[in-house]
Amino acid sequence: MLTLAEAVAIAKRAAAELPAPAVHTVAMRDALHRVLARNVFAPRDVPGFACSAMDGYAVRHSDFANAQGVCLPEDGVTLAGAVGHTTLLPGTCRRITTGAPVPEGADTVVMHERTRRVVDPDGKVRIGFAGTPEAGANVRGASDDFTAGRRVLAAGTRLDAIDVAAAVALGQRGVEVRGPVTAAVLATGDELLHAGSLWQSGLRYDSNGPMLEGLLADHAVDTVDRAHVRDDVPSLRQALALRCAAHRVVIVTGGVSAGEADHVPDVCAALGEILFWKLR
């Protein structure tokens, strides 16, 4: 008999021969767990501008050359969300918040904890800096997240929450995905009861059906059809034929061994081809 790994390999080869599911576009809020149909590339550098990685002060590193205990006048503040370009003049500093664009001329950000406010006798306020900062410190480059033209998401990816966030960061309103795949789950057996039905000795509740439906949902498969079929050949043949015509995946549970009421193998052989049956 086959091992599980061998059976999975057979199933994958067979699935690869099926026509690919249709491609359509979904909004990003509906893209979670869907399978991407087209590569997604960065249309530009992201974030697209040099920005501060810290709350602190934007400075020109050249102002610290050969100097100790530098104090610089503050020329204003740049907050996250600021648009437009302003220039930081030599010999000045600017208060800046995390994510804010670094002003033209500035090349370094000194974190707030390494500064102090100094009040001169005439009342003017300057910012004192502890030591000499490393050039370029705490500045995120314009392409720190993604470089323009980079493939960010590959076709065939099942999108998780991080993938969705990355696509949104690129400015995507939606993505092209495959499917959705629809499935049917058929639970067979005269012994099965629906959940909540009155229990009788000799019968058991159908727990496989809801379990399989939940597992399929975890893999972004829309289970649109779950049914119970009794152990007789005409009913089973009709149920299988209808659902094989309507769905890409049909899962049958029960009735597959060698007992007198195990009709699934014969019905499947009559409707199509059995690639494998028993597993080790």
C-alpha atoms as a PDB file:
ATOM      1  CA  MET A   1       0.000   0.000   0.000  1.00  0.00           C
ATOM      2  CA  LEU A   2       1.019   3.609  -0.542  1.00  0.00           C
ATOM      3  CA  THR A   3       2.588   5.827   2.065  1.00  0.00           C
ATOM      4  CA  LEU A   4       0.937   9.158   2.791  1.00  0.00           C
ATOM      5  CA  ALA A   5       3.790  11.013   1.041  1.00  0.00           C
ATOM      6  CA  GLU A   6       3.341   8.911  -2.102  1.00  0.00           C
ATOM      7  CA  ALA A   7      -0.403   9.538  -2.103  1.00  0.00           C
ATOM      8  CA  VAL A   8       0.070  13.299  -1.721  1.00  0.00           C
ATOM      9  CA  ALA A   9       2.515  13.306  -4.654  1.00  0.00           C
ATOM     10  CA  ILE A  10      -0.037  11.495  -6.833  1.00  0.00           C
ATOM     11  CA  ALA A  11      -2.750  13.961  -5.848  1.00  0.00           C
ATOM     12  CA  LYS A  12      -0.504  16.943  -6.628  1.00  0.00           C
ATOM     13  CA  ARG A  13       0.360  15.604 -10.074  1.00  0.00           C
ATOM     14  CA  ALA A  14      -3.311  15.074 -10.840  1.00  0.00           C
ATOM     15  CA  ALA A  15      -4.256  18.540  -9.565  1.00  0.00           C
ATOM     16  CA  ALA A  16      -1.565  20.126 -11.754  1.00  0.00           C
ATOM     17  CA  GLU A  17      -3.335  18.761 -14.836  1.00  0.00           C
ATOM     18  CA  LEU A  18      -6.601  20.514 -13.999  1.00  0.00           C
ATOM     19  CA  PRO A  19      -7.401  23.877 -15.599  1.00  0.00           C
ATOM     20  CA  ALA A  20      -6.331  26.735 -13.370  1.00  0.00           C
ATOM     21  CA  PRO A  21      -9.144  28.474 -11.475  1.00  0.00           C
ATOM     22  CA  ALA A  22     -10.374  31.724 -12.965  1.00  0.00           C
ATOM     23  CA  VAL A  23      -8.529  34.967 -12.199  1.00  0.00           C
ATOM     24  CA  HIS A  24     -10.303  37.988 -10.789  1.00  0.00           C
ATOM     25  CA  THR A  25      -9.493  41.056  -8.736  1.00  0.00           C
ATOM     26  CA  VAL A  26     -10.426  41.419  -5.088  1.00  0.00           C
ATOM     27  CA  ALA A  27     -10.103  44.392  -2.770  1.00  0.00           C
ATOM     28  CA  MET A  28      -7.275  44.157  -0.264  1.00  0.00           C
ATOM     29  CA  ARG A  29      -9.725  43.702   2.614  1.00  0.00           C
ATOM     30  CA  ASP A  30     -10.918  40.485   0.906  1.00  0.00           C
ATOM     31  CA  ALA A  31      -7.489  39.173  -0.109  1.00  0.00           C
ATOM     32  CA  LEU A  32      -6.519  37.339   3.099  1.00  0.00           C
ATOM     33  CA  HIS A  33      -5.800  33.607   2.450  1.00  0.00           C
ATOM     34  CA  ARG A  34      -6.493  33.957  -1.282  1.00  0.00           C
ATOM     35  CA  VAL A  35      -3.971  32.619  -3.824  1.00  0.00           C
ATOM     36  CA  LEU A  36      -2.196  35.340  -5.772  1.00  0.00           C
ATOM     37  CA  ALA A  37      -2.486  34.961  -9.558  1.00  0.00           C
ATOM     38  CA  ARG A  38       0.018  37.621 -10.666  1.00  0.00           C
ATOM     39  CA  ASN A  39       3.330  38.846  -9.292  1.00  0.00           C
ATOM     40  CA  VAL A  40       3.152  42.126  -7.389  1.00  0.00           C
ATOM     41  CA  PHE A  41       6.011  44.581  -7.930  1.00  0.00           C
ATOM     42  CA  ALA A  42       6.912  47.763  -6.094  1.00  0.00           C
ATOM     43  CA  PRO A  43       5.830  50.665  -8.340  1.00  0.00           C
ATOM     44  CA  ARG A  44       8.248  53.021  -6.572  1.00  0.00           C
ATOM     45  CA  ASP A  45      10.664  53.110  -3.690  1.00  0.00           C
ATOM     46  CA  VAL A  46       8.929  52.543  -0.358  1.00  0.00           C
ATOM     47  CA  PRO A  47       8.590  54.559   1.841  1.00  0.00           C
ATOM     48  CA  GLY A  48       9.684  56.877  -0.976  1.00  0.00           C
ATOM     49  CA  PHE A  49      11.449  59.472   1.173  1.00  0.00           C
ATOM     50  CA  ALA A  50      14.126  59.531   3.843  1.00  0.00           C
ATOM     51  CA  CYS A  51      12.427  59.506   7.216  1.00  0.00           C
ATOM     52  CA  SER A  52      13.310  59.508  10.878  1.00  0.00           C
ATOM     53  CA  ALA A  53      13.465  56.248  12.793  1.00  0.00           C
ATOM     54  CA  MET A  54      13.353  58.065  16.125  1.00  0.00           C
ATOM     55  CA  ASP A  55      11.853  61.002  17.952  1.00  0.00           C
ATOM     56  CA  GLY A  56      14.691  63.490  18.225  1.00  0.00           C
ATOM     57  CA  TYR A  57      16.502  66.155  16.222  1.00  0.00           C
ATOM     58  CA  ALA A  58      17.495  66.232  12.558  1.00  0.00           C
ATOM     59  CA  VAL A  59      20.995  67.645  12.067  1.00  0.00           C
ATOM     60  CA  ARG A  60      23.777  68.048   9.537  1.00  0.00           C
ATOM     61  CA  HIS A  61      26.559  65.707  10.579  1.00  0.00           C
ATOM     62  CA  SER A  62      29.118  68.210   9.293  1.00  0.00           C
ATOM     63  CA  ASP A  63      28.116  70.554  12.123  1.00  0.00           C
ATOM     64  CA  PHE A  64      29.755  68.114  14.546  1.00  0.00           C
ATOM     65  CA  ALA A  65      33.130  67.970  12.809  1.00  0.00           C
ATOM     66  CA  ASN A  66      35.982  68.564  15.248  1.00  0.00           C
ATOM     67  CA  ALA A  67      33.609  69.916  17.891  1.00  0.00           C
ATOM     68  CA  GLN A  68      32.589  68.741  21.342  1.00  0.00           C
ATOM     69  CA  GLY A  69      29.536  69.770  23.306  1.00  0.00           C
ATOM     70  CA  VAL A  70      27.727  71.133  20.245  1.00  0.00           C
ATOM     71  CA  CYS A  71      24.658  73.313  20.877  1.00  0.00           C
ATOM     72  CA  LEU A  72      22.463  74.257  17.939  1.00  0.00           C
ATOM     73  CA  PRO A  73      19.433  76.545  17.664  1.00  0.00           C
ATOM     74  CA  GLU A  74      16.173  74.757  16.861  1.00  0.00           C
ATOM     75  CA  ASP A  75      14.536  76.054  13.676  1.00  0.00           C
ATOM     76  CA  GLY A  76      11.156  74.345  14.124  1.00  0.00           C
ATOM     77  CA  VAL A  77       9.573  70.924  14.052  1.00  0.00           C
ATOM     78  CA  THR A  78       8.689  68.348  11.372  1.00  0.00           C
ATOM     79  CA  LEU A  79       5.950  65.886  12.278  1.00  0.00           C
ATOM     80  CA  ALA A  80       4.991  62.599  10.661  1.00  0.00           C
ATOM     81  CA  GLY A  81       2.646  63.342   7.783  1.00  0.00           C
ATOM     82  CA  ALA A  82       4.344  66.584   6.786  1.00  0.00           C
ATOM     83  CA  VAL A  83       4.445  67.138   3.018  1.00  0.00           C
ATOM     84  CA  GLY A  84       6.642  69.385   0.955  1.00  0.00           C
ATOM     85  CA  HIS A  85      10.383  69.876   1.215  1.00  0.00           C
ATOM     86  CA  THR A  86      12.059  72.288   3.585  1.00  0.00           C
ATOM     87  CA  THR A  87      15.765  72.815   4.049  1.00  0.00           C
ATOM     88  CA  LEU A  88      17.716  72.631   7.297  1.00  0.00           C
ATOM     89  CA  LEU A  89      20.266  75.442   7.296  1.00  0.00           C
ATOM     90  CA  PRO A  90      23.836  74.759   8.441  1.00  0.00           C
ATOM     91  CA  GLY A  91      24.349  75.299  12.146  1.00  0.00           C
ATOM     92  CA  THR A  92      20.741  74.567  13.107  1.00  0.00           C
ATOM     93  CA  CYS A  93      18.706  71.539  14.146  1.00  0.00           C
ATOM     94  CA  ARG A  94      15.068  70.588  13.813  1.00  0.00           C
ATOM     95  CA  ARG A  95      12.847  68.639  16.151  1.00  0.00           C
ATOM     96  CA  ILE A  96      11.473  65.606  14.328  1.00  0.00           C
ATOM     97  CA  THR A  97       9.149  62.704  15.125  1.00  0.00           C
ATOM     98  CA  THR A  98       9.314  59.046  14.130  1.00  0.00           C
ATOM     99  CA  GLY A  99       8.279  58.563  10.504  1.00  0.00           C
ATOM    100  CA  ALA A 100       8.551  62.251   9.601  1.00  0.00           C
ATOM    101  CA  PRO A 101      10.448  63.194   6.425  1.00  0.00           C
ATOM    102  CA  VAL A 102      14.024  64.258   7.071  1.00  0.00           C
ATOM    103  CA  PRO A 103      14.460  67.866   5.863  1.00  0.00           C
ATOM    104  CA  GLU A 104      16.714  68.665   2.937  1.00  0.00           C
ATOM    105  CA  GLY A 105      20.282  69.171   4.105  1.00  0.00           C
ATOM    106  CA  ALA A 106      19.905  66.987   7.193  1.00  0.00           C
ATOM    107  CA  ASP A 107      21.547  63.577   7.104  1.00  0.00           C
ATOM    108  CA  THR A 108      21.406  62.371  10.717  1.00  0.00           C
ATOM    109  CA  VAL A 109      18.852  62.138  13.517  1.00  0.00           C
ATOM    110  CA  VAL A 110      19.910  62.294  17.161  1.00  0.00           C
ATOM    111  CA  MET A 111      17.452  60.558  19.456  1.00  0.00           C
ATOM    112  CA  HIS A 112      15.721  62.778  21.990  1.00  0.00           C
ATOM    113  CA  GLU A 113      17.318  61.004  24.953  1.00  0.00           C
ATOM    114  CA  ARG A 114      20.784  62.154  23.848  1.00  0.00           C
ATOM    115  CA  THR A 115      19.920  65.861  23.843  1.00  0.00           C
ATOM    116  CA  ARG A 116      19.203  68.597  26.357  1.00  0.00           C
ATOM    117  CA  ARG A 117      17.647  72.047  26.191  1.00  0.00           C
ATOM    118  CA  VAL A 118      20.083  74.864  26.938  1.00  0.00           C
ATOM    119  CA  VAL A 119      18.780  78.360  27.815  1.00  0.00           C
ATOM    120  CA  ASP A 120      21.244  81.181  27.158  1.00  0.00           C
ATOM    121  CA  PRO A 121      21.451  84.237  29.448  1.00  0.00           C
ATOM    122  CA  ASP A 122      19.563  86.207  26.830  1.00  0.00           C
ATOM    123  CA  GLY A 123      16.703  83.670  26.947  1.00  0.00           C
ATOM    124  CA  LYS A 124      17.434  81.991  23.624  1.00  0.00           C
ATOM    125  CA  VAL A 125      16.985  78.209  23.603  1.00  0.00           C
ATOM    126  CA  ARG A 126      19.472  75.880  21.996  1.00  0.00           C
ATOM    127  CA  ILE A 127      19.732  72.093  21.858  1.00  0.00           C
ATOM    128  CA  GLY A 128      22.799  70.476  23.356  1.00  0.00           C
ATOM    129  CA  PHE A 129      24.028  67.123  22.049  1.00  0.00           C
ATOM    130  CA  ALA A 130      25.827  64.423  24.011  1.00  0.00           C
ATOM    131  CA  GLY A 131      28.878  63.440  21.989  1.00  0.00           C
ATOM    132  CA  THR A 132      29.166  63.163  18.215  1.00  0.00           C
ATOM    133  CA  PRO A 133      26.447  61.138  16.484  1.00  0.00           C
ATOM    134  CA  GLU A 134      27.263  58.563  13.851  1.00  0.00           C
ATOM    135  CA  ALA A 135      26.699  59.898  10.346  1.00  0.00           C
ATOM    136  CA  GLY A 136      23.335  58.779   8.994  1.00  0.00           C
ATOM    137  CA  ALA A 137      22.151  57.532  12.376  1.00  0.00           C
ATOM    138  CA  ASN A 138      18.403  56.927  12.777  1.00  0.00           C
ATOM    139  CA  VAL A 139      17.594  57.843   9.173  1.00  0.00           C
ATOM    140  CA  ARG A 140      15.643  55.324   7.105  1.00  0.00           C
ATOM    141  CA  GLY A 141      16.371  55.506   3.396  1.00  0.00           C
ATOM    142  CA  ALA A 142      13.745  56.101   0.723  1.00  0.00           C
ATOM    143  CA  SER A 143      13.919  52.425  -0.339  1.00  0.00           C
ATOM    144  CA  ASP A 144      14.367  50.835   3.084  1.00  0.00           C
ATOM    145  CA  ASP A 145      11.151  48.819   2.703  1.00  0.00           C
ATOM    146  CA  PHE A 146      11.153  48.105  -1.032  1.00  0.00           C
ATOM    147  CA  THR A 147      13.144  49.254  -4.052  1.00  0.00           C
ATOM    148  CA  ALA A 148      11.207  50.289  -7.163  1.00  0.00           C
ATOM    149  CA  GLY A 149      10.691  47.305  -9.460  1.00  0.00           C
ATOM    150  CA  ARG A 150      11.305  44.668  -6.810  1.00  0.00           C
ATOM    151  CA  ARG A 151       8.993  41.650  -6.833  1.00  0.00           C
ATOM    152  CA  VAL A 152       7.342  41.871  -3.442  1.00  0.00           C
ATOM    153  CA  LEU A 153       4.800  39.039  -3.755  1.00  0.00           C
ATOM    154  CA  ALA A 154       5.073  36.026  -6.063  1.00  0.00           C
ATOM    155  CA  ALA A 155       2.221  34.460  -8.007  1.00  0.00           C
ATOM    156  CA  GLY A 156       1.010  31.332  -6.224  1.00  0.00           C
ATOM    157  CA  THR A 157       1.460  32.826  -2.769  1.00  0.00           C
ATOM    158  CA  ARG A 158      -1.373  32.182  -0.328  1.00  0.00           C
ATOM    159  CA  LEU A 159      -1.669  35.648   1.138  1.00  0.00           C
ATOM    160  CA  ASP A 160      -1.262  36.000   4.885  1.00  0.00           C
ATOM    161  CA  ALA A 161      -1.731  39.121   6.988  1.00  0.00           C
ATOM    162  CA  ILE A 162       1.874  40.280   6.406  1.00  0.00           C
ATOM    163  CA  ASP A 163       1.482  39.861   2.636  1.00  0.00           C
ATOM    164  CA  VAL A 164      -1.699  41.933   2.670  1.00  0.00           C
ATOM    165  CA  ALA A 165       0.068  44.648   4.652  1.00  0.00           C
ATOM    166  CA  ALA A 166       2.961  44.667   2.162  1.00  0.00           C
ATOM    167  CA  ALA A 167       0.595  45.040  -0.787  1.00  0.00           C
ATOM    168  CA  VAL A 168      -1.231  47.909   0.904  1.00  0.00           C
ATOM    169  CA  ALA A 169       2.131  49.580   1.630  1.00  0.00           C
ATOM    170  CA  LEU A 170       2.757  49.562  -2.130  1.00  0.00           C
ATOM    171  CA  GLY A 171      -0.499  51.406  -2.715  1.00  0.00           C
ATOM    172  CA  GLN A 172      -2.436  48.386  -4.023  1.00  0.00           C
ATOM    173  CA  ARG A 173      -6.198  48.798  -3.875  1.00  0.00           C
ATOM    174  CA  GLY A 174      -6.665  45.173  -4.888  1.00  0.00           C
ATOM    175  CA  VAL A 175      -4.840  42.118  -6.245  1.00  0.00           C
ATOM    176  CA  GLU A 176      -5.536  39.444  -8.853  1.00  0.00           C
ATOM    177  CA  VAL A 177      -6.249  36.087  -7.259  1.00  0.00           C
ATOM    178  CA  ARG A 178      -7.327  32.599  -8.297  1.00  0.00           C
ATOM    179  CA  GLY A 179     -10.652  31.077  -7.476  1.00  0.00           C
ATOM    180  CA  PRO A 180     -12.327  30.970  -5.143  1.00  0.00           C
ATOM    181  CA  VAL A 181     -12.355  27.191  -5.081  1.00  0.00           C
ATOM    182  CA  THR A 182     -15.671  25.660  -4.081  1.00  0.00           C
ATOM    183  CA  ALA A 183     -15.977  22.267  -2.473  1.00  0.00           C
ATOM    184  CA  ALA A 184     -18.564  19.712  -1.451  1.00  0.00           C
ATOM    185  CA  VAL A 185     -18.338  17.428   1.580  1.00  0.00           C
ATOM    186  CA  LEU A 186     -20.407  14.237   1.540  1.00  0.00           C
ATOM    187  CA  ALA A 187     -20.697  12.253   4.750  1.00  0.00           C
ATOM    188  CA  THR A 188     -21.963   8.735   4.032  1.00  0.00           C
ATOM    189  CA  GLY A 189     -23.544   6.196   6.332  1.00  0.00           C
ATOM    190  CA  ASP A 190     -26.936   5.056   7.614  1.00  0.00           C
ATOM    191  CA  GLU A 191     -25.538   5.406  11.141  1.00  0.00           C
ATOM    192  CA  LEU A 192     -25.073   9.198  11.035  1.00  0.00           C
ATOM    193  CA  LEU A 193     -27.132  11.779  12.898  1.00  0.00           C
ATOM    194  CA  HIS A 194     -27.172  15.542  12.369  1.00  0.00           C
ATOM    195  CA  ALA A 195     -25.886  17.634  15.262  1.00  0.00           C
ATOM    196  CA  GLY A 196     -28.651  18.214  17.790  1.00  0.00           C
ATOM    197  CA  SER A 197     -30.803  15.301  16.645  1.00  0.00           C
ATOM    198  CA  LEU A 198     -32.225  12.880  19.207  1.00  0.00           C
ATOM    199  CA  TRP A 199     -29.576  10.261  19.923  1.00  0.00           C
ATOM    200  CA  GLN A 200     -30.336   6.549  19.567  1.00  0.00           C
ATOM    201  CA  SER A 201     -28.201   3.599  20.529  1.00  0.00           C
ATOM    202  CA  GLY A 202     -26.292   2.340  17.480  1.00  0.00           C
ATOM    203  CA  LEU A 203     -26.142   5.740  15.804  1.00  0.00           C
ATOM    204  CA  ARG A 204     -23.510   8.462  15.989  1.00  0.00           C
ATOM    205  CA  TYR A 205     -23.340  12.171  15.183  1.00  0.00           C
ATOM    206  CA  ASP A 206     -21.693  13.359  11.982  1.00  0.00           C
ATOM    207  CA  SER A 207     -18.622  15.172  13.307  1.00  0.00           C
ATOM    208  CA  ASN A 208     -16.481  14.621  10.194  1.00  0.00           C
ATOM    209  CA  GLY A 209     -18.620  16.938   8.071  1.00  0.00           C
ATOM    210  CA  PRO A 210     -18.283  20.055  10.237  1.00  0.00           C
ATOM    211  CA  MET A 211     -14.599  19.293  10.850  1.00  0.00           C
ATOM    212  CA  LEU A 212     -13.816  19.079   7.131  1.00  0.00           C
ATOM    213  CA  GLU A 213     -15.809  22.216   6.434  1.00  0.00           C
ATOM    214  CA  GLY A 214     -13.763  24.075   9.039  1.00  0.00           C
ATOM    215  CA  LEU A 215     -10.454  22.762   7.703  1.00  0.00           C
ATOM    216  CA  LEU A 216     -11.391  23.830   4.197  1.00  0.00           C
ATOM    217  CA  ALA A 217     -12.334  27.296   5.448  1.00  0.00           C
ATOM    218  CA  ASP A 218      -8.885  27.559   7.048  1.00  0.00           C
ATOM    219  CA  HIS A 219      -7.435  27.129   3.544  1.00  0.00           C
ATOM    220  CA  ALA A 220      -9.717  29.720   1.909  1.00  0.00           C
ATOM    221  CA  VAL A 221     -11.897  27.077   0.239  1.00  0.00           C
ATOM    222  CA  ASP A 222     -15.536  28.062   0.058  1.00  0.00           C
ATOM    223  CA  THR A 223     -17.454  24.997   1.197  1.00  0.00           C
ATOM    224  CA  VAL A 224     -20.832  25.669  -0.326  1.00  0.00           C
ATOM    225  CA  ASP A 225     -22.283  22.179  -0.132  1.00  0.00           C
ATOM    226  CA  ARG A 226     -22.266  19.733   2.795  1.00  0.00           C
ATOM    227  CA  ALA A 227     -24.621  16.772   2.700  1.00  0.00           C
ATOM    228  CA  HIS A 228     -25.355  13.368   4.230  1.00  0.00           C
ATOM    229  CA  VAL A 229     -25.879  10.396   1.899  1.00  0.00           C
ATOM    230  CA  ARG A 230     -27.248   7.037   2.945  1.00  0.00           C
ATOM    231  CA  ASP A 231     -25.511   3.742   2.166  1.00  0.00           C
ATOM    232  CA  ASP A 232     -27.226   2.872  -1.100  1.00  0.00           C
ATOM    233  CA  VAL A 233     -25.694   2.952  -4.573  1.00  0.00           C
ATOM    234  CA  PRO A 234     -28.301   5.075  -6.442  1.00  0.00           C
ATOM    235  CA  SER A 235     -28.300   7.816  -3.809  1.00  0.00           C
ATOM    236  CA  LEU A 236     -24.524   7.860  -3.609  1.00  0.00           C
ATOM    237  CA  ARG A 237     -24.059   7.843  -7.382  1.00  0.00           C
ATOM    238  CA  GLN A 238     -26.516  10.723  -7.866  1.00  0.00           C
ATOM    239  CA  ALA A 239     -25.007  12.790  -5.051  1.00  0.00           C
ATOM    240  CA  LEU A 240     -21.454  12.320  -6.312  1.00  0.00           C
ATOM    241  CA  ALA A 241     -22.287  12.974  -9.973  1.00  0.00           C
ATOM    242  CA  LEU A 242     -24.108  16.227  -9.184  1.00  0.00           C
ATOM    243  CA  ARG A 243     -21.353  17.551  -6.963  1.00  0.00           C
ATOM    244  CA  CYS A 244     -18.478  16.522  -9.206  1.00  0.00           C
ATOM    245  CA  ALA A 245     -20.116  18.555 -11.964  1.00  0.00           C
ATOM    246  CA  ALA A 246     -20.586  21.585  -9.724  1.00  0.00           C
ATOM    247  CA  HIS A 247     -17.411  21.758  -7.619  1.00  0.00           C
ATOM    248  CA  ARG A 248     -13.669  21.597  -8.066  1.00  0.00           C
ATOM    249  CA  VAL A 249     -13.219  19.469  -4.940  1.00  0.00           C
ATOM    250  CA  VAL A 250     -15.521  16.773  -3.547  1.00  0.00           C
ATOM    251  CA  ILE A 251     -14.593  15.082  -0.276  1.00  0.00           C
ATOM    252  CA  VAL A 252     -16.369  11.883   0.746  1.00  0.00           C
ATOM    253  CA  THR A 253     -16.048  10.457   4.232  1.00  0.00           C
ATOM    254  CA  GLY A 254     -17.131   6.922   5.092  1.00  0.00           C
ATOM    255  CA  GLY A 255     -18.053   3.923   2.961  1.00  0.00           C
ATOM    256  CA  VAL A 256     -14.578   3.333   1.497  1.00  0.00           C
ATOM    257  CA  SER A 257     -13.443   0.033   3.018  1.00  0.00           C
ATOM    258  CA  ALA A 258     -14.465  -3.510   2.033  1.00  0.00           C
ATOM    259  CA  GLY A 259     -17.704  -4.016   3.969  1.00  0.00           C
ATOM    260  CA  GLU A 260     -21.095  -4.828   2.500  1.00  0.00           C
ATOM    261  CA  ALA A 261     -22.218  -1.178   2.743  1.00  0.00           C
ATOM    262  CA  ASP A 262     -18.948   0.358   1.486  1.00  0.00           C
ATOM    263  CA  HIS A 263     -20.082   1.446  -1.969  1.00  0.00           C
ATOM    264  CA  VAL A 264     -17.882   4.522  -2.520  1.00  0.00           C
ATOM    265  CA  PRO A 265     -14.969   2.779  -4.365  1.00  0.00           C
ATOM    266  CA  ASP A 266     -17.278   1.125  -6.926  1.00  0.00           C
ATOM    267  CA  VAL A 267     -19.289   4.307  -7.495  1.00  0.00           C
ATOM    268  CA  CYS A 268     -16.124   6.388  -7.927  1.00  0.00           C
ATOM    269  CA  ALA A 269     -14.715   3.853 -10.402  1.00  0.00           C
ATOM    270  CA  ALA A 270     -17.929   4.057 -12.411  1.00  0.00           C
ATOM    271  CA  LEU A 271     -17.858   7.871 -12.476  1.00  0.00           C
ATOM    272  CA  GLY A 272     -14.127   8.361 -13.138  1.00  0.00           C
ATOM    273  CA  GLU A 273     -10.642   7.052 -12.479  1.00  0.00           C
ATOM    274  CA  ILE A 274      -9.276   5.921  -9.116  1.00  0.00           C
ATOM    275  CA  LEU A 275      -5.637   6.979  -8.819  1.00  0.00           C
ATOM    276  CA  PHE A 276      -5.142   5.219  -5.493  1.00  0.00           C
ATOM    277  CA  TRP A 277      -7.329   3.740  -2.798  1.00  0.00           C
ATOM    278  CA  LYS A 278      -5.740   2.371   0.370  1.00  0.00           C
ATOM    279  CA  LEU A 279      -2.902   3.940   2.339  1.00  0.00           C
ATOM    280  CA  ARG A 280      -0.374   2.248   4.569  1.00  0.00           C
END
